[in-house]
N, C-alpha and C. Protein backbone atom coordinates (compact mmCIF):
# COMPACT_ATOMS: atom_id res chain seq x y z
N MET A 1 0.89 -1.14 -0.03
CA MET A 1 -0.03 -0.05 0.08
C MET A 1 0.92 1.21 0.05
N TYR A 2 0.82 2.15 -0.92
CA TYR A 2 1.64 3.24 -1.15
C TYR A 2 0.78 4.52 -0.72
N LYS A 3 -0.35 4.66 -1.30
CA LYS A 3 -1.24 5.78 -0.93
C LYS A 3 -2.67 5.17 -0.63
N GLY A 4 -3.44 5.54 0.52
CA GLY A 4 -4.74 4.98 0.79
C GLY A 4 -5.77 5.73 -0.17
N GLY A 5 -7.09 5.32 0.05
CA GLY A 5 -8.14 5.85 -0.89
C GLY A 5 -9.39 5.60 -0.10
N GLU A 6 -10.40 6.14 -0.55
CA GLU A 6 -11.83 5.81 0.00
C GLU A 6 -12.84 5.34 -1.13
N GLY A 7 -13.58 4.34 -0.81
CA GLY A 7 -14.56 3.85 -1.77
C GLY A 7 -15.81 3.80 -0.77
N GLU A 8 -17.05 3.80 -1.55
CA GLU A 8 -18.30 3.83 -1.02
C GLU A 8 -19.27 2.90 -1.75
N ILE A 9 -20.10 2.15 -1.16
CA ILE A 9 -21.21 1.43 -1.88
C ILE A 9 -22.57 1.62 -1.14
N THR A 10 -23.55 1.31 -1.55
CA THR A 10 -25.08 1.12 -0.77
C THR A 10 -25.58 0.00 -1.40
N GLU A 11 -26.00 -0.80 -0.03
CA GLU A 11 -26.60 -2.03 -0.08
C GLU A 11 -28.06 -2.08 0.87
N LYS A 12 -29.10 -1.98 0.07
CA LYS A 12 -30.42 -1.95 0.67
C LYS A 12 -30.52 -0.81 1.49
N LYS A 13 -29.99 0.24 1.10
CA LYS A 13 -30.07 1.52 1.57
C LYS A 13 -29.10 1.91 3.07
N SER A 14 -28.20 0.75 3.11
CA SER A 14 -27.11 0.85 4.17
C SER A 14 -25.68 1.46 3.33
N ARG A 15 -25.18 2.12 4.04
CA ARG A 15 -23.97 2.99 3.34
C ARG A 15 -22.79 2.18 4.10
N PHE A 16 -21.91 1.85 3.02
CA PHE A 16 -20.59 1.30 3.38
C PHE A 16 -19.44 2.18 2.87
N ILE A 17 -18.70 2.66 3.94
CA ILE A 17 -17.65 3.56 3.55
C ILE A 17 -16.42 2.90 3.82
N ALA A 18 -15.45 2.62 2.80
CA ALA A 18 -14.20 2.03 2.99
C ALA A 18 -13.13 2.93 2.87
N THR A 19 -12.39 3.32 4.20
CA THR A 19 -11.10 4.00 4.15
C THR A 19 -10.12 3.14 4.30
N VAL A 20 -9.04 3.27 3.24
CA VAL A 20 -7.85 2.57 3.17
C VAL A 20 -6.51 3.54 3.59
N ARG A 21 -5.74 3.05 4.21
CA ARG A 21 -4.36 3.56 4.49
C ARG A 21 -3.18 2.84 4.74
N PRO A 22 -2.04 3.23 4.42
CA PRO A 22 -0.82 2.64 4.59
C PRO A 22 -0.36 2.72 5.99
N VAL A 23 0.00 1.44 6.57
CA VAL A 23 0.51 1.63 7.79
C VAL A 23 1.77 0.65 8.03
N GLU A 24 2.67 1.07 9.02
CA GLU A 24 4.00 0.22 9.27
C GLU A 24 3.84 -0.60 10.42
N SER A 25 2.89 -0.38 11.25
CA SER A 25 3.03 -1.08 12.58
C SER A 25 1.59 -1.21 13.15
N GLU A 26 1.58 -2.06 14.09
CA GLU A 26 0.33 -2.41 14.90
C GLU A 26 -0.33 -1.24 15.42
N GLU A 27 0.62 -0.44 16.05
CA GLU A 27 0.40 0.79 16.73
C GLU A 27 -0.22 1.81 15.68
N GLU A 28 0.34 1.99 14.56
CA GLU A 28 -0.16 2.81 13.72
C GLU A 28 -1.56 2.39 13.07
N ALA A 29 -1.64 1.14 12.90
CA ALA A 29 -3.18 0.74 12.49
C ALA A 29 -3.87 1.02 13.71
N ALA A 30 -3.65 0.83 14.76
CA ALA A 30 -4.64 1.19 15.86
C ALA A 30 -5.09 2.61 15.98
N GLU A 31 -4.09 3.46 15.89
CA GLU A 31 -4.31 4.81 15.75
C GLU A 31 -5.37 5.31 14.53
N PHE A 32 -5.17 4.58 13.55
CA PHE A 32 -5.84 4.70 12.31
C PHE A 32 -7.37 4.53 12.42
N ILE A 33 -7.47 3.32 13.07
CA ILE A 33 -8.67 2.64 13.29
C ILE A 33 -9.55 3.52 14.46
N ALA A 34 -8.85 3.86 15.42
CA ALA A 34 -9.29 4.89 16.42
C ALA A 34 -9.97 6.25 15.81
N ALA A 35 -9.07 6.68 14.90
CA ALA A 35 -9.34 8.02 14.33
C ALA A 35 -10.62 7.87 13.53
N MET A 36 -10.84 6.73 12.88
CA MET A 36 -12.04 6.47 11.86
C MET A 36 -13.30 6.35 12.79
N LYS A 37 -13.15 5.69 13.92
CA LYS A 37 -14.17 5.44 14.81
C LYS A 37 -14.78 6.78 15.44
N LYS A 38 -13.64 7.81 15.69
CA LYS A 38 -14.06 9.00 16.10
C LYS A 38 -14.82 9.94 14.97
N LYS A 39 -14.11 9.83 13.73
CA LYS A 39 -14.85 10.54 12.71
C LYS A 39 -16.23 10.29 12.39
N TYR A 40 -16.41 8.85 12.32
CA TYR A 40 -17.79 8.30 12.05
C TYR A 40 -18.40 7.80 13.21
N TRP A 41 -18.46 8.69 14.36
CA TRP A 41 -18.78 8.31 15.66
C TRP A 41 -20.41 7.96 15.70
N ASP A 42 -21.06 8.29 14.91
CA ASP A 42 -22.57 8.22 14.70
C ASP A 42 -22.97 6.88 13.69
N ALA A 43 -21.95 6.32 13.32
CA ALA A 43 -22.11 5.17 12.41
C ALA A 43 -22.39 3.89 13.34
N ARG A 44 -23.26 2.98 12.95
CA ARG A 44 -23.68 1.67 13.58
C ARG A 44 -22.46 0.95 13.76
N HIS A 45 -21.51 0.79 12.64
CA HIS A 45 -20.36 -0.09 12.78
C HIS A 45 -19.21 0.60 12.18
N ASN A 46 -18.06 0.27 12.77
CA ASN A 46 -16.63 0.57 12.06
C ASN A 46 -15.92 -0.53 12.07
N CYS A 47 -15.95 -1.56 11.16
CA CYS A 47 -15.34 -2.81 11.11
C CYS A 47 -13.80 -2.48 10.58
N SER A 48 -13.01 -3.31 10.84
CA SER A 48 -11.51 -3.15 10.62
C SER A 48 -10.90 -4.35 10.33
N ALA A 49 -9.76 -4.10 9.42
CA ALA A 49 -8.79 -5.24 9.20
C ALA A 49 -7.44 -4.68 8.85
N PHE A 50 -6.34 -5.16 8.99
CA PHE A 50 -5.08 -4.73 8.70
C PHE A 50 -4.05 -5.84 8.58
N VAL A 51 -3.04 -5.91 7.53
CA VAL A 51 -1.95 -6.57 7.21
C VAL A 51 -0.65 -5.85 7.31
N ILE A 52 0.17 -6.30 7.97
CA ILE A 52 1.42 -5.83 8.12
C ILE A 52 2.58 -6.64 7.88
N GLY A 53 3.74 -6.36 7.34
CA GLY A 53 4.92 -7.14 7.12
C GLY A 53 5.01 -7.63 5.70
N LYS A 54 6.19 -7.83 5.08
CA LYS A 54 6.35 -8.41 3.80
C LYS A 54 5.85 -9.41 3.35
N ASN A 55 5.68 -10.36 4.38
CA ASN A 55 5.07 -11.78 4.12
C ASN A 55 3.58 -11.85 4.78
N GLN A 56 3.03 -10.65 5.11
CA GLN A 56 1.75 -10.52 5.77
C GLN A 56 1.76 -11.33 7.00
N GLU A 57 2.86 -11.11 7.84
CA GLU A 57 3.02 -11.79 9.05
C GLU A 57 2.10 -11.27 10.13
N LEU A 58 1.65 -10.02 10.33
CA LEU A 58 0.77 -9.68 11.32
C LEU A 58 -0.58 -9.27 10.62
N THR A 59 -1.64 -9.99 11.10
CA THR A 59 -2.88 -9.54 10.60
C THR A 59 -4.02 -9.43 12.10
N ARG A 60 -4.87 -8.56 11.72
CA ARG A 60 -6.07 -8.50 12.68
C ARG A 60 -7.34 -8.03 12.15
N CYS A 61 -8.16 -8.32 12.73
CA CYS A 61 -9.56 -7.82 12.09
C CYS A 61 -10.69 -7.83 13.13
N SER A 62 -11.80 -7.00 13.07
CA SER A 62 -12.75 -6.69 13.92
C SER A 62 -14.07 -6.64 13.24
N ASP A 63 -15.16 -7.28 13.76
CA ASP A 63 -16.47 -7.09 13.53
C ASP A 63 -17.34 -6.00 14.03
N ASP A 64 -16.62 -5.41 15.17
CA ASP A 64 -17.14 -4.25 15.63
C ASP A 64 -18.84 -4.35 15.73
N GLY A 65 -19.18 -5.46 16.36
CA GLY A 65 -20.74 -5.66 16.68
C GLY A 65 -21.48 -6.32 15.65
N GLU A 66 -20.86 -6.43 14.19
CA GLU A 66 -21.55 -7.17 13.33
C GLU A 66 -21.56 -8.74 13.69
N PRO A 67 -22.60 -9.49 13.19
CA PRO A 67 -22.42 -10.94 13.55
C PRO A 67 -21.03 -11.56 13.23
N ALA A 68 -20.57 -12.38 13.93
CA ALA A 68 -19.08 -12.92 13.89
C ALA A 68 -18.81 -13.48 12.44
N GLN A 69 -17.62 -13.25 12.02
CA GLN A 69 -17.26 -13.77 10.59
C GLN A 69 -17.84 -13.12 9.54
N THR A 70 -18.66 -11.90 9.56
CA THR A 70 -19.38 -11.33 8.56
C THR A 70 -18.72 -10.19 8.09
N ALA A 71 -17.83 -9.65 8.67
CA ALA A 71 -17.30 -8.23 8.41
C ALA A 71 -15.69 -8.09 8.52
N GLY A 72 -15.15 -8.12 9.60
CA GLY A 72 -13.57 -8.09 9.61
C GLY A 72 -12.98 -9.20 9.00
N ARG A 73 -13.44 -10.49 8.96
CA ARG A 73 -12.57 -11.56 8.53
C ARG A 73 -12.89 -11.37 6.98
N PRO A 74 -14.00 -11.16 6.50
CA PRO A 74 -14.03 -11.10 4.99
C PRO A 74 -13.27 -9.95 4.39
N MET A 75 -13.26 -8.86 5.04
CA MET A 75 -12.46 -7.62 4.58
C MET A 75 -10.85 -8.25 4.82
N LEU A 76 -10.46 -8.81 5.66
CA LEU A 76 -9.27 -9.31 5.65
C LEU A 76 -9.07 -10.30 4.72
N ASP A 77 -9.77 -11.00 4.41
CA ASP A 77 -9.58 -12.09 3.33
C ASP A 77 -9.34 -11.43 2.04
N VAL A 78 -9.85 -10.21 1.63
CA VAL A 78 -9.68 -9.55 0.53
C VAL A 78 -8.12 -9.04 0.50
N LEU A 79 -7.79 -8.38 1.61
CA LEU A 79 -6.20 -8.06 1.67
C LEU A 79 -5.25 -9.09 1.38
N LEU A 80 -5.61 -10.09 2.01
CA LEU A 80 -4.67 -11.33 1.83
C LEU A 80 -4.81 -11.89 0.58
N ARG A 81 -5.86 -12.10 -0.13
CA ARG A 81 -6.04 -12.66 -1.56
C ARG A 81 -5.28 -11.68 -2.54
N GLU A 82 -5.33 -10.38 -2.29
CA GLU A 82 -4.63 -9.30 -3.09
C GLU A 82 -3.20 -9.39 -3.07
N GLY A 83 -2.68 -10.04 -1.90
CA GLY A 83 -1.26 -9.76 -1.66
C GLY A 83 -0.88 -8.35 -1.13
N ILE A 84 -1.88 -7.77 -0.56
CA ILE A 84 -1.60 -6.38 0.00
C ILE A 84 -0.82 -6.52 1.38
N THR A 85 0.04 -5.69 1.62
CA THR A 85 0.89 -5.58 2.72
C THR A 85 1.00 -4.09 3.32
N ASN A 86 1.06 -4.00 4.54
CA ASN A 86 1.19 -2.79 5.29
C ASN A 86 0.06 -1.69 4.98
N ALA A 87 -1.11 -2.44 5.20
CA ALA A 87 -2.32 -1.77 4.82
C ALA A 87 -3.34 -1.86 6.11
N ALA A 88 -4.16 -0.92 6.19
CA ALA A 88 -5.46 -1.11 6.96
C ALA A 88 -6.63 -0.52 6.55
N VAL A 89 -7.69 -0.91 6.54
CA VAL A 89 -9.00 -0.45 6.13
C VAL A 89 -10.07 -0.51 7.25
N VAL A 90 -10.77 0.44 7.35
CA VAL A 90 -11.85 0.44 8.13
C VAL A 90 -13.20 0.64 7.09
N VAL A 91 -14.26 -0.10 7.29
CA VAL A 91 -15.56 -0.03 6.66
C VAL A 91 -16.51 0.64 7.61
N THR A 92 -17.06 1.69 7.40
CA THR A 92 -17.94 2.25 8.11
C THR A 92 -19.47 1.88 7.66
N ARG A 93 -20.38 1.47 8.47
CA ARG A 93 -21.60 1.09 8.09
C ARG A 93 -22.76 2.12 8.75
N TYR A 94 -23.50 2.83 7.93
CA TYR A 94 -24.69 3.37 8.10
C TYR A 94 -25.88 2.57 7.90
N PHE A 95 -26.47 1.95 8.89
CA PHE A 95 -27.65 1.06 8.68
C PHE A 95 -28.90 1.80 8.16
N GLY A 96 -29.24 1.07 6.90
CA GLY A 96 -30.45 1.46 6.22
C GLY A 96 -31.79 1.14 6.53
N GLY A 97 -31.84 0.20 7.53
CA GLY A 97 -33.09 -0.17 8.11
C GLY A 97 -33.52 -1.58 7.60
N THR A 98 -32.73 -2.26 6.43
CA THR A 98 -33.03 -3.59 6.10
C THR A 98 -31.84 -4.39 6.42
N LEU A 99 -32.20 -5.56 7.06
CA LEU A 99 -31.27 -6.59 7.33
C LEU A 99 -30.82 -7.27 6.09
N LEU A 100 -29.27 -7.67 6.09
CA LEU A 100 -28.76 -8.20 4.80
C LEU A 100 -28.54 -9.46 4.95
N GLY A 101 -28.71 -10.09 6.12
CA GLY A 101 -28.48 -11.42 6.36
C GLY A 101 -26.73 -11.73 6.34
N THR A 102 -26.53 -12.81 6.84
CA THR A 102 -24.98 -13.07 6.92
C THR A 102 -24.17 -13.19 5.80
N GLY A 103 -24.85 -13.73 4.65
CA GLY A 103 -24.04 -13.81 3.22
C GLY A 103 -24.13 -12.38 2.64
N GLY A 104 -25.29 -11.64 2.82
CA GLY A 104 -25.22 -10.25 2.27
C GLY A 104 -24.12 -9.21 3.02
N LEU A 105 -24.06 -9.45 4.23
CA LEU A 105 -22.89 -8.75 5.02
C LEU A 105 -21.52 -9.04 4.45
N VAL A 106 -21.31 -10.41 4.22
CA VAL A 106 -19.94 -10.70 3.72
C VAL A 106 -19.74 -10.15 2.40
N ARG A 107 -20.69 -10.14 1.54
CA ARG A 107 -20.44 -9.70 0.25
C ARG A 107 -20.26 -8.22 0.18
N ALA A 108 -21.29 -7.42 1.17
CA ALA A 108 -21.04 -6.02 1.10
C ALA A 108 -19.67 -5.62 1.78
N TYR A 109 -19.30 -6.24 2.63
CA TYR A 109 -17.97 -5.54 3.24
C TYR A 109 -16.84 -5.95 2.25
N GLN A 110 -16.89 -7.08 1.75
CA GLN A 110 -15.71 -7.36 0.65
C GLN A 110 -15.77 -6.38 -0.35
N LYS A 111 -16.93 -6.23 -1.12
CA LYS A 111 -17.22 -5.31 -2.04
C LYS A 111 -16.71 -3.83 -1.63
N SER A 112 -16.89 -3.49 -0.46
CA SER A 112 -16.48 -2.15 0.00
C SER A 112 -14.93 -2.00 0.08
N VAL A 113 -14.50 -3.13 0.47
CA VAL A 113 -12.98 -3.16 0.69
C VAL A 113 -12.34 -3.18 -0.85
N GLN A 114 -12.79 -3.96 -1.72
CA GLN A 114 -12.31 -3.60 -3.24
C GLN A 114 -12.67 -2.35 -3.75
N GLU A 115 -13.57 -1.48 -3.37
CA GLU A 115 -13.82 -0.23 -3.76
C GLU A 115 -12.90 0.69 -3.25
N GLY A 116 -12.55 0.60 -2.05
CA GLY A 116 -11.56 1.22 -1.31
C GLY A 116 -10.04 0.78 -2.05
N LEU A 117 -9.75 -0.31 -2.28
CA LEU A 117 -8.50 -0.67 -2.87
C LEU A 117 -8.40 0.06 -4.50
N ALA A 118 -9.55 0.12 -4.91
CA ALA A 118 -9.77 0.68 -6.22
C ALA A 118 -9.28 2.10 -6.37
N LYS A 119 -9.53 2.67 -5.26
CA LYS A 119 -9.19 4.30 -5.05
C LYS A 119 -7.81 4.40 -4.44
N SER A 120 -7.32 3.29 -4.04
CA SER A 120 -5.86 3.58 -3.52
C SER A 120 -4.72 3.32 -4.54
N VAL A 121 -3.37 3.73 -4.20
CA VAL A 121 -2.33 3.42 -5.09
C VAL A 121 -1.64 2.08 -4.25
N ILE A 122 -1.43 1.01 -5.07
CA ILE A 122 -0.80 -0.14 -4.71
C ILE A 122 0.33 -0.27 -5.65
N ILE A 123 1.45 -0.69 -5.13
CA ILE A 123 2.73 -0.69 -5.77
C ILE A 123 3.43 -1.96 -5.68
N GLU A 124 4.30 -2.49 -6.42
CA GLU A 124 5.06 -3.78 -6.12
C GLU A 124 6.27 -3.40 -5.93
N LYS A 125 6.93 -3.66 -4.62
CA LYS A 125 8.23 -3.36 -4.56
C LYS A 125 9.14 -4.53 -4.90
N MET A 126 10.35 -4.17 -5.46
CA MET A 126 11.22 -5.33 -5.95
C MET A 126 12.61 -5.05 -5.34
N GLN A 127 13.43 -5.89 -5.25
CA GLN A 127 14.83 -5.79 -4.77
C GLN A 127 15.54 -5.57 -6.07
N GLY A 128 16.40 -4.60 -6.20
CA GLY A 128 17.47 -4.45 -7.24
C GLY A 128 18.80 -3.98 -6.83
N LYS A 129 19.89 -4.32 -7.51
CA LYS A 129 21.25 -3.73 -7.09
C LYS A 129 21.61 -2.50 -8.18
N SER A 130 22.01 -1.55 -7.35
CA SER A 130 22.38 -0.45 -8.15
C SER A 130 23.59 -0.61 -8.92
N LEU A 131 23.77 -0.16 -10.09
CA LEU A 131 24.84 -0.07 -10.94
C LEU A 131 25.19 1.24 -11.47
N ALA A 132 26.53 1.82 -11.44
CA ALA A 132 26.93 2.98 -12.11
C ALA A 132 27.82 2.52 -13.25
N ILE A 133 27.37 2.85 -14.38
CA ILE A 133 28.23 2.55 -15.58
C ILE A 133 29.06 3.89 -15.96
N ARG A 134 30.21 3.82 -16.13
CA ARG A 134 30.96 4.92 -16.63
C ARG A 134 31.64 4.59 -18.08
N THR A 135 31.21 5.47 -18.88
CA THR A 135 31.67 5.14 -20.25
C THR A 135 32.08 6.61 -21.17
N ASP A 136 32.93 6.38 -22.12
CA ASP A 136 32.96 7.48 -22.95
C ASP A 136 32.03 7.66 -23.98
N TYR A 137 31.90 8.67 -24.58
CA TYR A 137 30.63 8.89 -25.47
C TYR A 137 30.47 8.10 -26.54
N THR A 138 31.63 7.45 -26.86
CA THR A 138 31.68 6.41 -28.00
C THR A 138 30.54 5.34 -27.66
N GLY A 139 30.89 4.75 -26.38
CA GLY A 139 30.10 3.49 -26.00
C GLY A 139 28.82 3.94 -25.28
N LEU A 140 28.30 5.24 -25.48
CA LEU A 140 27.02 5.54 -24.83
C LEU A 140 25.94 5.00 -25.64
N GLY A 141 25.78 4.87 -27.04
CA GLY A 141 24.83 4.60 -27.74
C GLY A 141 24.58 3.08 -27.63
N LYS A 142 25.50 2.30 -27.57
CA LYS A 142 25.61 0.88 -27.37
C LYS A 142 24.82 0.60 -26.06
N ILE A 143 25.55 1.19 -25.04
CA ILE A 143 24.99 0.98 -23.47
C ILE A 143 23.62 1.44 -23.54
N GLN A 144 23.06 2.50 -24.11
CA GLN A 144 21.55 2.67 -24.12
C GLN A 144 20.77 1.85 -24.70
N TYR A 145 21.39 1.23 -26.03
CA TYR A 145 20.55 0.25 -26.57
C TYR A 145 20.49 -1.04 -25.66
N ILE A 146 21.38 -1.51 -25.09
CA ILE A 146 21.49 -2.60 -24.26
C ILE A 146 20.39 -2.58 -23.01
N LEU A 147 20.37 -1.39 -22.52
CA LEU A 147 19.58 -1.02 -21.32
C LEU A 147 17.98 -1.17 -21.74
N ALA A 148 17.92 -0.40 -22.91
CA ALA A 148 16.52 -0.33 -23.39
C ALA A 148 15.80 -1.91 -23.82
N LYS A 149 16.92 -2.52 -24.55
CA LYS A 149 16.43 -3.90 -24.86
C LYS A 149 16.28 -5.01 -23.56
N GLU A 150 17.02 -4.54 -22.62
CA GLU A 150 16.66 -5.32 -21.32
C GLU A 150 15.75 -4.76 -20.39
N ASN A 151 15.26 -3.66 -20.78
CA ASN A 151 14.08 -2.88 -20.00
C ASN A 151 14.66 -2.67 -18.45
N ILE A 152 15.89 -2.16 -18.31
CA ILE A 152 16.70 -1.76 -17.23
C ILE A 152 16.24 -0.26 -16.66
N PRO A 153 15.59 -0.15 -15.72
CA PRO A 153 15.28 1.31 -15.28
C PRO A 153 16.44 2.13 -14.96
N VAL A 154 16.56 3.29 -15.50
CA VAL A 154 17.52 4.41 -15.68
C VAL A 154 17.39 5.26 -14.36
N LEU A 155 18.02 5.49 -13.62
CA LEU A 155 17.93 6.31 -12.32
C LEU A 155 18.29 7.66 -12.70
N LYS A 156 19.39 7.83 -13.31
CA LYS A 156 20.08 9.15 -13.60
C LYS A 156 21.24 8.98 -14.54
N THR A 157 21.42 10.14 -15.45
CA THR A 157 22.54 10.05 -16.23
C THR A 157 23.37 11.39 -16.05
N ALA A 158 24.60 11.36 -15.75
CA ALA A 158 25.38 12.58 -15.60
C ALA A 158 26.33 12.63 -16.92
N TYR A 159 26.41 13.88 -17.60
CA TYR A 159 27.25 13.95 -18.75
C TYR A 159 28.34 14.98 -18.35
N THR A 160 29.62 14.56 -18.27
CA THR A 160 30.54 15.43 -17.95
C THR A 160 31.85 15.13 -19.02
N GLN A 161 33.07 14.86 -18.78
CA GLN A 161 33.99 14.31 -19.69
C GLN A 161 33.62 13.09 -20.30
N ASP A 162 33.26 12.43 -19.32
CA ASP A 162 32.58 11.01 -19.59
C ASP A 162 31.15 11.06 -19.17
N VAL A 163 30.47 9.76 -19.38
CA VAL A 163 29.17 9.69 -19.06
C VAL A 163 28.99 8.70 -17.94
N GLU A 164 28.13 9.05 -17.06
CA GLU A 164 27.84 8.04 -15.89
C GLU A 164 26.28 7.77 -15.66
N ILE A 165 25.94 6.46 -16.00
CA ILE A 165 24.55 6.21 -16.04
C ILE A 165 24.37 5.29 -14.77
N CYS A 166 23.30 5.74 -13.95
CA CYS A 166 23.08 4.99 -12.88
C CYS A 166 21.77 4.14 -12.96
N VAL A 167 21.89 2.81 -12.82
CA VAL A 167 20.68 2.09 -13.32
C VAL A 167 20.24 1.02 -12.09
N ILE A 168 19.13 0.38 -12.12
CA ILE A 168 18.92 -0.52 -11.08
C ILE A 168 18.59 -1.82 -11.81
N VAL A 169 19.23 -3.04 -10.98
CA VAL A 169 19.07 -4.13 -11.78
C VAL A 169 18.62 -5.31 -11.05
N LEU A 170 17.68 -6.22 -11.46
CA LEU A 170 17.23 -7.22 -10.58
C LEU A 170 18.26 -8.19 -10.48
N PRO A 171 18.56 -8.94 -9.13
CA PRO A 171 19.45 -9.84 -9.09
C PRO A 171 19.82 -10.78 -9.90
N GLU A 172 18.75 -11.42 -10.59
CA GLU A 172 18.86 -12.46 -11.55
C GLU A 172 19.44 -12.06 -12.88
N ASN A 173 19.52 -10.68 -13.13
CA ASN A 173 20.03 -10.17 -14.35
C ASN A 173 21.35 -9.44 -14.36
N THR A 174 21.99 -9.44 -13.18
CA THR A 174 23.26 -8.72 -12.98
C THR A 174 24.40 -9.47 -13.91
N GLU A 175 24.48 -10.62 -13.93
CA GLU A 175 25.77 -11.31 -14.65
C GLU A 175 25.56 -11.10 -16.10
N LYS A 176 24.13 -11.24 -16.67
CA LYS A 176 23.98 -11.08 -18.00
C LYS A 176 24.21 -9.71 -18.43
N LEU A 177 23.73 -8.77 -17.71
CA LEU A 177 24.02 -7.36 -18.12
C LEU A 177 25.26 -6.92 -18.14
N ALA A 178 26.00 -7.42 -17.06
CA ALA A 178 27.59 -7.05 -17.05
C ALA A 178 28.14 -7.54 -18.09
N ALA A 179 28.06 -8.87 -18.57
CA ALA A 179 28.60 -9.37 -19.69
C ALA A 179 28.29 -8.69 -21.12
N GLU A 180 26.93 -8.40 -21.35
CA GLU A 180 26.49 -7.67 -22.49
C GLU A 180 27.10 -6.27 -22.62
N ILE A 181 27.29 -5.49 -21.35
CA ILE A 181 27.86 -4.21 -21.35
C ILE A 181 29.62 -4.28 -21.85
N THR A 182 30.07 -5.35 -21.07
CA THR A 182 31.37 -5.62 -21.28
C THR A 182 31.65 -5.80 -22.91
N GLU A 183 30.84 -6.86 -23.39
CA GLU A 183 31.15 -7.27 -24.74
C GLU A 183 30.59 -6.19 -25.87
N GLY A 184 29.65 -5.46 -25.33
CA GLY A 184 29.32 -4.22 -26.41
C GLY A 184 30.04 -3.15 -26.33
N THR A 185 30.72 -2.99 -25.31
CA THR A 185 31.86 -1.56 -25.27
C THR A 185 33.26 -2.28 -25.36
N LYS A 186 33.53 -3.45 -25.79
CA LYS A 186 34.82 -3.96 -25.78
C LYS A 186 35.73 -3.79 -24.61
N GLY A 187 34.89 -3.85 -23.40
CA GLY A 187 35.49 -3.74 -22.09
C GLY A 187 35.99 -2.31 -21.77
N THR A 188 35.48 -1.29 -22.47
CA THR A 188 35.91 0.04 -22.22
C THR A 188 35.19 0.74 -21.07
N ALA A 189 33.97 0.26 -20.77
CA ALA A 189 32.98 0.64 -20.04
C ALA A 189 33.43 0.16 -18.37
N GLU A 190 33.35 1.08 -17.40
CA GLU A 190 33.58 0.70 -16.04
C GLU A 190 32.22 0.27 -15.34
N LEU A 191 32.04 -0.83 -14.65
CA LEU A 191 30.85 -1.05 -14.10
C LEU A 191 31.29 -0.94 -12.49
N ILE A 192 30.35 0.00 -11.66
CA ILE A 192 30.56 -0.03 -10.23
C ILE A 192 29.24 -0.60 -9.64
N TRP A 193 29.35 -1.74 -9.01
CA TRP A 193 28.11 -2.21 -8.47
C TRP A 193 27.95 -1.63 -6.98
N GLY A 194 26.70 -1.12 -6.75
CA GLY A 194 26.34 -0.67 -5.44
C GLY A 194 25.69 -1.45 -4.63
N LYS A 195 24.96 -0.99 -3.52
CA LYS A 195 24.26 -1.92 -2.77
C LYS A 195 22.81 -2.29 -3.17
N THR A 196 22.22 -3.17 -2.48
CA THR A 196 20.76 -3.52 -3.02
C THR A 196 19.85 -2.42 -2.45
N ALA A 197 18.84 -2.25 -3.15
CA ALA A 197 17.67 -1.14 -2.92
C ALA A 197 16.36 -1.58 -3.33
N GLU A 198 15.36 -1.40 -2.43
CA GLU A 198 13.90 -1.38 -2.86
C GLU A 198 13.53 -0.45 -3.83
N PHE A 199 12.85 -0.87 -4.96
CA PHE A 199 12.20 0.14 -5.74
C PHE A 199 11.00 -0.36 -6.36
N ALA A 200 10.14 0.68 -6.82
CA ALA A 200 9.08 0.25 -7.53
C ALA A 200 8.81 1.25 -8.68
N VAL A 201 7.89 0.88 -9.69
CA VAL A 201 7.31 1.71 -10.76
C VAL A 201 6.14 2.37 -10.53
N ILE A 202 6.03 3.62 -10.30
CA ILE A 202 4.96 4.35 -10.14
C ILE A 202 4.64 5.49 -10.92
N ASP A 203 3.43 5.18 -11.79
CA ASP A 203 3.11 6.02 -12.98
C ASP A 203 4.26 6.35 -13.76
N GLY A 204 4.67 5.34 -14.08
CA GLY A 204 6.06 5.45 -15.04
C GLY A 204 7.32 5.88 -14.62
N GLU A 205 7.23 6.28 -13.29
CA GLU A 205 8.58 6.73 -12.84
C GLU A 205 9.08 5.56 -11.67
N ILE A 206 10.39 5.76 -11.65
CA ILE A 206 11.14 4.76 -10.61
C ILE A 206 11.12 5.43 -9.27
N LYS A 207 10.71 4.70 -8.26
CA LYS A 207 10.77 5.32 -6.88
C LYS A 207 11.73 4.38 -6.26
N ILE A 208 12.72 5.01 -5.57
CA ILE A 208 13.76 4.31 -4.90
C ILE A 208 13.35 4.42 -3.36
N PHE A 209 13.29 3.27 -2.64
CA PHE A 209 12.95 3.45 -1.12
C PHE A 209 14.24 3.41 -0.33
N GLU A 210 15.31 2.90 -0.99
CA GLU A 210 16.53 2.71 -0.28
C GLU A 210 17.63 3.29 -1.36
N LYS A 211 18.29 4.32 -1.06
CA LYS A 211 19.36 4.74 -1.99
C LYS A 211 20.45 4.01 -2.50
N GLY A 212 20.55 3.91 -3.84
CA GLY A 212 21.46 2.99 -4.34
C GLY A 212 22.86 3.82 -4.95
N CYS A 213 22.80 4.08 -6.31
CA CYS A 213 23.88 4.83 -6.60
C CYS A 213 24.05 6.24 -5.96
């Protein structure tokens, strides 16, 4: 979860408002849930679920007065099924006067979460190794061709007496890329490997979460 959002549905005159937020800890999730309960103090229910950890290690959910297993757990199941991590969601229900039944509640709460996720920004974080490539201008075109062919994200390019291109490479591609650049430039390019960094592609732009080059 990169940026949260809010979605809303109506089922038999009951309003279901799903608010989604990124969270990094159980304490942060608890604060968010408390804030939503305060904001929607007049609602019949503020059901919640959250998932924390790269491997979804920590999960919690609450039916907040709805029949057991009809709200919190179905909400949590949506997050788990979608592979979402570090996210919390609160679904606020304003009762419309018509009972939905257990099956109807499950469907309504899950649909609400899906609406909230649709309005959020969800990214896929990947591990990559930073690489600074130093080359003269003669080898620049060949290197740019190789990077484009292999779909290697370019972080920055510095043009001075020589050219330095900073890229990020998936671990399984490091040896192949190094060999291609070395062969393509006849060994004239200098390759300086940096540390591993987390990155994601957001709206076509590379976002680095840990600095590389």
